[in-house]
Amino acid sequence: MVSTIVVLLVGYWFFKSPLCSACADWLRNQGGGRDPRLMAQMEELGETVTELRADVLELSERMDFTERVLIKVREREALPPR
């Protein structure tokens, strides 16, 4: 019980202290939010992901078309000849 109170008091002190603000600022800067090189890389990665999504969509459409064609061919082969 006492340890819980101590942890709460230390936590309260830490989150209200300038040390916590300094740690938060340091973590924000470590995230690369202000580094132009990292922002450019993130933008390039975003464009690459968009292109890959388009490619996957196109491949999915082609696969659907191929499956439909194969089903039609199998149905024709299953019908008795006239």
C-alpha atoms as a PDB file:
ATOM      1  CA  MET A   1       0.000   0.000   0.000  1.00  0.00           C
ATOM      2  CA  VAL A   2       2.772   2.389   0.913  1.00  0.00           C
ATOM      3  CA  SER A   3       4.694   1.520  -2.254  1.00  0.00           C
ATOM      4  CA  THR A   4       1.632   2.357  -4.371  1.00  0.00           C
ATOM      5  CA  ILE A   5       1.359   5.782  -2.740  1.00  0.00           C
ATOM      6  CA  VAL A   6       5.076   6.405  -3.246  1.00  0.00           C
ATOM      7  CA  VAL A   7       4.845   5.424  -6.918  1.00  0.00           C
ATOM      8  CA  LEU A   8       1.861   7.740  -7.401  1.00  0.00           C
ATOM      9  CA  LEU A   9       3.629  10.659  -5.712  1.00  0.00           C
ATOM     10  CA  VAL A  10       6.831  10.156  -7.713  1.00  0.00           C
ATOM     11  CA  GLY A  11       4.794   9.823 -10.914  1.00  0.00           C
ATOM     12  CA  TYR A  12       2.845  12.989 -10.145  1.00  0.00           C
ATOM     13  CA  TRP A  13       6.066  14.859  -9.393  1.00  0.00           C
ATOM     14  CA  PHE A  14       7.722  13.607 -12.598  1.00  0.00           C
ATOM     15  CA  PHE A  15       4.825  14.505 -14.881  1.00  0.00           C
ATOM     16  CA  LYS A  16       4.577  17.990 -13.376  1.00  0.00           C
ATOM     17  CA  SER A  17       8.335  18.628 -13.479  1.00  0.00           C
ATOM     18  CA  PRO A  18      10.349  20.465 -16.134  1.00  0.00           C
ATOM     19  CA  LEU A  19      12.273  17.206 -16.545  1.00  0.00           C
ATOM     20  CA  CYS A  20       9.188  15.606 -18.059  1.00  0.00           C
ATOM     21  CA  SER A  21       8.733  18.518 -20.478  1.00  0.00           C
ATOM     22  CA  ALA A  22      12.374  18.252 -21.515  1.00  0.00           C
ATOM     23  CA  CYS A  23      12.004  14.503 -22.090  1.00  0.00           C
ATOM     24  CA  ALA A  24       8.867  15.063 -24.157  1.00  0.00           C
ATOM     25  CA  ASP A  25      10.607  17.695 -26.303  1.00  0.00           C
ATOM     26  CA  TRP A  26      13.582  15.397 -26.794  1.00  0.00           C
ATOM     27  CA  LEU A  27      11.313  12.512 -27.853  1.00  0.00           C
ATOM     28  CA  ARG A  28       9.434  14.743 -30.284  1.00  0.00           C
ATOM     29  CA  ASN A  29      12.695  15.836 -31.911  1.00  0.00           C
ATOM     30  CA  GLN A  30      13.924  12.232 -32.083  1.00  0.00           C
ATOM     31  CA  GLY A  31      10.841  11.310 -34.109  1.00  0.00           C
ATOM     32  CA  GLY A  32      12.177  13.234 -37.089  1.00  0.00           C
ATOM     33  CA  GLY A  33       9.200  15.554 -37.294  1.00  0.00           C
ATOM     34  CA  ARG A  34      11.443  18.496 -38.101  1.00  0.00           C
ATOM     35  CA  ASP A  35      14.180  16.851 -40.159  1.00  0.00           C
ATOM     36  CA  PRO A  36      13.610  17.723 -43.843  1.00  0.00           C
ATOM     37  CA  ARG A  37      15.552  14.679 -45.060  1.00  0.00           C
ATOM     38  CA  LEU A  38      13.340  12.318 -43.109  1.00  0.00           C
ATOM     39  CA  MET A  39      10.222  14.151 -44.231  1.00  0.00           C
ATOM     40  CA  ALA A  40      11.337  13.769 -47.868  1.00  0.00           C
ATOM     41  CA  GLN A  41      11.973  10.065 -47.326  1.00  0.00           C
ATOM     42  CA  MET A  42       8.554   9.652 -45.727  1.00  0.00           C
ATOM     43  CA  GLU A  43       6.939  11.441 -48.653  1.00  0.00           C
ATOM     44  CA  GLU A  44       8.785   9.200 -51.121  1.00  0.00           C
ATOM     45  CA  LEU A  45       7.719   6.112 -49.188  1.00  0.00           C
ATOM     46  CA  GLY A  46       4.121   7.322 -49.256  1.00  0.00           C
ATOM     47  CA  GLU A  47       4.280   7.687 -53.045  1.00  0.00           C
ATOM     48  CA  THR A  48       5.808   4.227 -53.355  1.00  0.00           C
ATOM     49  CA  VAL A  49       3.056   2.715 -51.227  1.00  0.00           C
ATOM     50  CA  THR A  50       0.429   4.433 -53.383  1.00  0.00           C
ATOM     51  CA  GLU A  51       2.022   3.002 -56.536  1.00  0.00           C
ATOM     52  CA  LEU A  52       2.219  -0.459 -54.997  1.00  0.00           C
ATOM     53  CA  ARG A  53      -1.456  -0.304 -54.034  1.00  0.00           C
ATOM     54  CA  ALA A  54      -2.344   0.554 -57.621  1.00  0.00           C
ATOM     55  CA  ASP A  55      -0.222  -2.362 -58.873  1.00  0.00           C
ATOM     56  CA  VAL A  56      -1.872  -4.772 -56.442  1.00  0.00           C
ATOM     57  CA  LEU A  57      -5.319  -3.556 -57.507  1.00  0.00           C
ATOM     58  CA  GLU A  58      -4.440  -4.085 -61.170  1.00  0.00           C
ATOM     59  CA  LEU A  59      -3.082  -7.558 -60.464  1.00  0.00           C
ATOM     60  CA  SER A  60      -6.215  -8.401 -58.490  1.00  0.00           C
ATOM     61  CA  GLU A  61      -8.413  -7.343 -61.402  1.00  0.00           C
ATOM     62  CA  ARG A  62      -6.333  -9.423 -63.817  1.00  0.00           C
ATOM     63  CA  MET A  63      -6.573 -12.442 -61.526  1.00  0.00           C
ATOM     64  CA  ASP A  64     -10.352 -12.056 -61.279  1.00  0.00           C
ATOM     65  CA  PHE A  65     -10.588 -11.887 -65.079  1.00  0.00           C
ATOM     66  CA  THR A  66      -8.411 -14.986 -65.461  1.00  0.00           C
ATOM     67  CA  GLU A  67     -10.513 -16.897 -62.945  1.00  0.00           C
ATOM     68  CA  ARG A  68     -13.702 -15.996 -64.815  1.00  0.00           C
ATOM     69  CA  VAL A  69     -12.192 -17.116 -68.119  1.00  0.00           C
ATOM     70  CA  LEU A  70     -11.054 -20.419 -66.608  1.00  0.00           C
ATOM     71  CA  ILE A  71     -14.506 -21.045 -65.158  1.00  0.00           C
ATOM     72  CA  LYS A  72     -16.070 -20.456 -68.584  1.00  0.00           C
ATOM     73  CA  VAL A  73     -13.590 -22.836 -70.233  1.00  0.00           C
ATOM     74  CA  ARG A  74     -14.298 -25.527 -67.633  1.00  0.00           C
ATOM     75  CA  GLU A  75     -18.049 -25.085 -68.069  1.00  0.00           C
ATOM     76  CA  ARG A  76     -17.704 -25.489 -71.845  1.00  0.00           C
ATOM     77  CA  GLU A  77     -15.628 -28.631 -71.435  1.00  0.00           C
ATOM     78  CA  ALA A  78     -18.184 -30.093 -69.025  1.00  0.00           C
ATOM     79  CA  LEU A  79     -21.061 -29.684 -71.493  1.00  0.00           C
ATOM     80  CA  PRO A  80     -21.755 -32.658 -73.722  1.00  0.00           C
ATOM     81  CA  PRO A  81     -20.886 -32.130 -77.390  1.00  0.00           C
ATOM     82  CA  ARG A  82     -23.794 -31.390 -79.762  1.00  0.00           C
END
